[in-house]
Structure formats: C-alpha cells, structure tokens
Amino acid sequence: MTLRRLCTFVVALVACALSCFAQDTVEAINEIKLSGKYFTAEATAASVDEAKNIAFSYLKENIANYCEEMEIEEIGEDKIMANLQQKSVNRGDAIMVLVYVAKTIVEKKETMTFHPNTSVNTNTNNNNTNTTPVFGSANWPDIIKKVCDVSSFVQLQYLLDMAMDNNLIDSWGKFNSMLNQTECYLVMMNVDRQIVGVLSPVKNGARTDVKTGMVVDSEGMKTFKNCAPICVRVK
C-alpha cells in the first residue's frame, strides 16, 4: 500500500513538473512574439523536425518580405540558420515549434534622423522664406510628421521601433491593447496593411487629420470603418 502511494505521488509530481515546464515555455513564447525584437514564425506538426522545417520556411518568407518592403539587401538562408533560435511546446499529440531571430540580423538603412518632439511654428506672418513645411493647420511633433511619410505597416513598425529606441514615444500598439486611447494618435491601416490616415488625440470630442487639418468627428470616422487603428502615445 505504501509503495502504491509512493508511485502515485511520484507520477503526480512528474506530471506537475511537466505542466509547469510547458506553461513556462508558453509564457516565454508569448513574450518573444510580443517583444517586437524578433522575426518569428511557428508551425504545429507531428514531430519537432517537421514543425521546425515548416516554421523555418515561414520565417524566411517573413524576412524576405520585410527586406523587399524596406528596400534592403535580402538575408541569406545560411545567415538566418546561424542566428536561429527555437522553442517548442506540446499540443496534444502534436508539437508546436516557434523559430525566431533577432531583428538586428537585417542591415537597416539609417535614413531617419530624430529630433526632440518640438512643434513647428506655423505662424506665417513673418518674412523668413526658409520655413519648415507643416501639416494641416496645427503643430505636430516631429515623429508624427515622419509617421505621415510612411505608407506601409512594415515601414511604420520600423519607424516606431526606432522612435522607442530614441525615447521619442512612450508606447505604441493595437488599439485594444492600449490604455487611454483618446490620448493617443491613431495611425489608420487598411486591409492591405497600407497607412491611409493619421489622426490626432481627441480634443473637444473629435480628432484632427494630421495631414489636412480637417476635424474628424464620429461621422468622419466612418471613412475608416474597414481600417485597423494603431495607437501611438507621444511623450
């Protein structure tokens, strides 16, 4: 009887340990995917090798698309493999494998110079003909004007990651993941992941189109009904 109880205890202990290990792995995987620091891809298959091979093909495609859109040199498979990391977790009888590499693997074109988020003087009652161009009818932070220059989500992501590194914005992310959305700029992205609008934080119950200076109220927001808003909180 004592031996049976001991066996039962050992089995329960092992099961608990495995469960905790799997949970730690899931949390680690989610942390990697949400960090924004890695190119990632995942796949689920009957074996680790099969899942890894499928995920690796997805990862190569993701990196190739990124390089094409950013107009930078494509990364070779050997370099990706040399920097490849992976994590796996059981899913019933199958196994899910996440493969990932740090985004530093690509050679970014440092074409963007960041300055403090100072506003531009829009007063036209002066004789200085060498004035800085402005958007709409208000003063916007430098980083927001740069956001207006990008056309795709990949370019936006690169720009905002650089802005975070330069301590120019407090945070950015999907609308539902951000607090106090009314205090954020909204970057409107259509179903093709193209940037079609940049809106100011809410003031007097409405936002302002940064490029045109037009007020966008609840009725005007219907123009973007098929768009996914990206929130940007400027410091």
Protein backbone atom coordinates (compact mmCIF):
# COMPACT_ATOMS: atom_id res chain seq x y z
CA MET A 1 0.00 0.00 0.00
CA THR A 2 2.82 2.33 0.90
CA LEU A 3 4.63 1.55 -2.38
CA ARG A 4 1.48 2.25 -4.38
CA ARG A 5 1.04 5.59 -2.67
CA LEU A 6 4.68 6.42 -3.31
CA CYS A 7 4.30 5.61 -7.01
CA THR A 8 1.17 7.72 -7.23
CA PHE A 9 2.98 10.62 -5.56
CA VAL A 10 5.95 10.34 -7.93
CA VAL A 11 3.68 10.25 -11.01
CA ALA A 12 1.75 13.30 -9.78
CA LEU A 13 4.98 15.13 -9.05
CA VAL A 14 6.36 14.43 -12.53
CA ALA A 15 3.08 15.49 -14.16
CA CYS A 16 3.08 18.72 -12.18
CA ALA A 17 6.68 19.45 -13.14
CA LEU A 18 5.95 18.82 -16.83
CA SER A 19 2.89 21.02 -16.67
CA CYS A 20 4.87 23.86 -15.10
CA PHE A 21 7.62 23.46 -17.69
CA ALA A 22 5.11 23.60 -20.54
CA GLN A 23 3.46 26.70 -19.06
CA ASP A 24 6.84 28.43 -18.69
CA THR A 25 7.52 27.64 -22.34
CA VAL A 26 4.18 29.09 -23.46
CA GLU A 27 4.84 32.26 -21.47
CA ALA A 28 8.34 32.51 -22.93
CA ILE A 29 6.97 32.07 -26.45
CA ASN A 30 4.36 34.79 -25.94
CA GLU A 31 6.98 37.13 -24.51
CA ILE A 32 9.20 36.64 -27.57
CA LYS A 33 6.34 37.19 -30.01
CA LEU A 34 5.11 40.34 -28.25
CA SER A 35 8.51 41.91 -27.62
CA GLY A 36 8.86 43.30 -31.15
CA LYS A 37 12.56 42.41 -31.10
CA TYR A 38 12.40 39.28 -33.26
CA PHE A 39 11.26 37.95 -36.59
CA THR A 40 9.13 34.95 -35.62
CA ALA A 41 7.20 32.09 -37.20
CA GLU A 42 5.56 28.98 -35.84
CA ALA A 43 4.09 25.71 -37.00
CA THR A 44 2.49 22.64 -35.48
CA ALA A 45 3.22 19.11 -36.69
CA ALA A 46 3.64 15.52 -35.51
CA SER A 47 7.37 15.93 -34.81
CA VAL A 48 9.77 18.68 -33.80
CA ASP A 49 11.77 18.40 -37.04
CA GLU A 50 8.70 18.63 -39.25
CA ALA A 51 7.28 21.60 -37.34
CA LYS A 52 10.66 23.35 -37.36
CA ASN A 53 11.08 22.93 -41.12
CA ILE A 54 7.62 24.36 -41.81
CA ALA A 55 8.13 27.26 -39.40
CA PHE A 56 11.55 27.99 -40.89
CA SER A 57 10.06 28.33 -44.37
CA TYR A 58 7.53 30.83 -42.98
CA LEU A 59 10.31 32.74 -41.22
CA LYS A 60 12.38 33.03 -44.40
CA GLU A 61 9.34 34.37 -46.24
CA ASN A 62 8.63 36.92 -43.49
CA ILE A 63 12.20 38.20 -43.54
CA ALA A 64 12.30 38.30 -47.35
CA ASN A 65 9.08 40.35 -47.45
CA TYR A 66 10.46 42.73 -44.84
CA CYS A 67 13.70 43.24 -46.77
CA GLU A 68 11.80 43.83 -50.01
CA GLU A 69 9.49 46.40 -48.48
CA MET A 70 12.33 48.20 -46.69
CA GLU A 71 14.44 48.07 -49.88
CA ILE A 72 17.40 46.46 -48.15
CA GLU A 73 19.57 43.50 -49.12
CA GLU A 74 17.91 40.13 -48.64
CA ILE A 75 19.28 37.92 -45.88
CA GLY A 76 20.74 34.58 -46.93
CA GLU A 77 19.40 31.31 -45.58
CA ASP A 78 22.79 30.44 -44.06
CA LYS A 79 22.81 33.64 -42.02
CA ILE A 80 19.26 33.05 -40.81
CA MET A 81 20.12 29.48 -39.82
CA ALA A 82 23.27 30.61 -37.99
CA ASN A 83 21.22 33.01 -35.84
CA LEU A 84 18.15 30.78 -35.48
CA GLN A 85 16.63 30.08 -32.08
CA GLN A 86 13.65 27.92 -31.27
CA LYS A 87 11.20 26.95 -28.56
CA SER A 88 8.62 24.18 -28.58
CA VAL A 89 5.56 23.13 -26.61
CA ASN A 90 3.31 20.08 -26.79
CA ARG A 91 -0.18 20.44 -28.20
CA GLY A 92 -1.94 17.17 -27.59
CA ASP A 93 -0.33 14.53 -29.81
CA ALA A 94 1.41 17.24 -31.87
CA ILE A 95 4.11 19.76 -31.09
CA MET A 96 4.30 23.46 -31.82
CA VAL A 97 7.69 24.97 -32.67
CA LEU A 98 8.47 28.68 -32.66
CA VAL A 99 11.56 29.74 -34.61
CA TYR A 100 12.93 33.25 -34.30
CA VAL A 101 15.90 35.52 -34.99
CA ALA A 102 16.71 38.97 -33.62
CA LYS A 103 15.71 41.83 -35.92
CA THR A 104 19.31 43.04 -35.77
CA ILE A 105 20.04 40.36 -38.38
CA VAL A 106 18.97 42.82 -41.09
CA GLU A 107 21.07 45.80 -42.07
CA LYS A 108 18.75 48.74 -41.74
CA LYS A 109 19.21 51.91 -43.73
CA GLU A 110 19.70 54.63 -41.16
CA THR A 111 17.89 57.22 -43.28
CA MET A 112 15.87 58.77 -40.49
CA THR A 113 17.24 61.42 -38.15
CA PHE A 114 15.27 62.00 -34.99
CA HIS A 115 14.97 65.27 -33.15
CA PRO A 116 13.19 66.16 -29.91
CA ASN A 117 9.42 66.29 -30.25
CA THR A 118 9.29 70.04 -30.64
CA SER A 119 6.43 71.61 -32.52
CA VAL A 120 6.90 73.63 -35.68
CA ASN A 121 5.88 77.28 -35.66
CA THR A 122 3.04 77.70 -38.13
CA ASN A 123 2.89 81.48 -37.89
CA THR A 124 3.11 82.74 -41.47
CA ASN A 125 3.23 86.43 -40.50
CA ASN A 126 7.00 86.67 -40.79
CA ASN A 127 9.45 87.35 -43.53
CA ASN A 128 11.51 84.16 -43.21
CA THR A 129 11.09 82.36 -46.53
CA ASN A 130 13.07 79.30 -45.35
CA THR A 131 10.33 77.93 -43.11
CA THR A 132 9.75 74.27 -42.36
CA PRO A 133 6.73 72.73 -44.12
CA VAL A 134 3.83 71.94 -41.82
CA PHE A 135 0.91 69.56 -41.94
CA GLY A 136 -2.69 70.67 -41.68
CA SER A 137 -3.37 73.69 -39.50
CA ALA A 138 -1.65 72.73 -36.25
CA ASN A 139 1.77 72.00 -34.77
CA TRP A 140 2.68 68.31 -34.70
CA PRO A 141 5.61 66.50 -33.06
CA ASP A 142 8.45 65.63 -35.40
CA ILE A 143 7.85 61.90 -35.03
CA ILE A 144 4.21 62.24 -36.09
CA LYS A 145 5.23 64.09 -39.24
CA LYS A 146 7.57 61.20 -40.03
CA VAL A 147 4.69 58.77 -39.48
CA CYS A 148 2.79 60.68 -42.17
CA ASP A 149 5.59 59.89 -44.62
CA VAL A 150 5.33 56.10 -44.37
CA SER A 151 2.95 54.07 -46.48
CA SER A 152 3.01 50.51 -45.09
CA PHE A 153 2.83 48.77 -41.73
CA VAL A 154 6.34 47.35 -42.09
CA GLN A 155 7.74 50.85 -42.53
CA LEU A 156 5.61 52.11 -39.65
CA GLN A 157 6.84 49.34 -37.36
CA TYR A 158 10.47 50.12 -38.20
CA LEU A 159 9.91 53.84 -37.62
CA LEU A 160 8.13 53.40 -34.28
CA ASP A 161 10.68 50.88 -33.02
CA MET A 162 13.41 53.43 -33.78
CA ALA A 163 11.37 56.11 -32.04
CA MET A 164 11.09 53.91 -28.95
CA ASP A 165 14.85 53.36 -29.01
CA ASN A 166 15.34 57.13 -29.22
CA ASN A 167 12.90 57.74 -26.35
CA LEU A 168 10.59 59.85 -28.53
CA ILE A 169 7.36 57.97 -27.85
CA ASP A 170 6.00 56.40 -24.70
CA SER A 171 4.40 53.36 -26.35
CA TRP A 172 2.55 52.08 -29.39
CA GLY A 173 0.37 49.11 -30.24
CA LYS A 174 -3.01 47.86 -31.34
CA PHE A 175 -5.99 49.95 -30.28
CA ASN A 176 -7.43 47.37 -27.87
CA SER A 177 -4.08 46.79 -26.17
CA MET A 178 -3.53 50.45 -25.26
CA LEU A 179 -4.93 52.38 -22.33
CA ASN A 180 -6.44 55.86 -22.67
CA GLN A 181 -6.82 55.63 -26.44
CA THR A 182 -8.25 59.15 -26.58
CA GLU A 183 -4.80 60.48 -25.64
CA CYS A 184 -3.10 58.60 -28.49
CA TYR A 185 -2.51 59.44 -32.12
CA LEU A 186 -4.24 56.93 -34.40
CA VAL A 187 -2.49 55.55 -37.45
CA MET A 188 -5.18 54.05 -39.68
CA MET A 189 -4.18 50.89 -41.56
CA ASN A 190 -6.39 49.32 -44.23
CA VAL A 191 -6.85 45.62 -45.04
CA ASP A 192 -3.82 45.73 -47.33
CA ARG A 193 -1.70 46.95 -44.39
CA GLN A 194 -1.28 50.34 -46.03
CA ILE A 195 -1.33 53.55 -43.97
CA VAL A 196 -4.28 55.70 -45.07
CA GLY A 197 -4.56 58.26 -42.30
CA VAL A 198 -3.01 59.77 -39.17
CA LEU A 199 -5.34 61.28 -36.58
CA SER A 200 -4.57 63.42 -33.53
CA PRO A 201 -5.60 62.66 -29.93
CA VAL A 202 -9.19 63.56 -29.10
CA LYS A 203 -9.89 67.22 -28.35
CA ASN A 204 -13.37 68.60 -27.77
CA GLY A 205 -14.87 65.23 -28.73
CA ALA A 206 -13.13 64.89 -32.10
CA ARG A 207 -9.79 64.10 -33.68
CA THR A 208 -7.92 66.07 -36.34
CA ASP A 209 -6.49 64.70 -39.57
CA VAL A 210 -2.79 65.50 -39.20
CA LYS A 211 -2.19 65.91 -42.94
CA THR A 212 -5.19 68.08 -43.81
CA GLY A 213 -6.10 69.76 -40.55
CA MET A 214 -9.72 68.68 -41.02
CA VAL A 215 -11.73 67.80 -37.92
CA VAL A 216 -12.79 64.13 -37.85
CA ASP A 217 -15.83 63.54 -35.65
CA SER A 218 -17.74 60.31 -35.10
CA GLU A 219 -19.34 60.64 -38.53
CA GLY A 220 -15.98 61.27 -40.18
CA MET A 221 -14.52 58.17 -38.51
CA LYS A 222 -16.84 56.07 -40.70
CA THR A 223 -14.43 56.82 -43.53
CA PHE A 224 -12.02 54.46 -41.79
CA LYS A 225 -14.57 51.75 -40.94
CA ASN A 226 -12.52 48.99 -42.59
CA CYS A 227 -9.25 50.13 -41.03
CA ALA A 228 -7.34 48.86 -38.01
CA PRO A 229 -6.10 51.74 -35.83
CA ILE A 230 -2.57 51.67 -34.40
CA CYS A 231 -2.18 53.80 -31.26
CA VAL A 232 0.91 55.95 -30.73
CA ARG A 233 1.43 57.73 -27.42
CA VAL A 234 3.94 60.57 -27.74
CA LYS A 235 5.88 61.73 -24.70
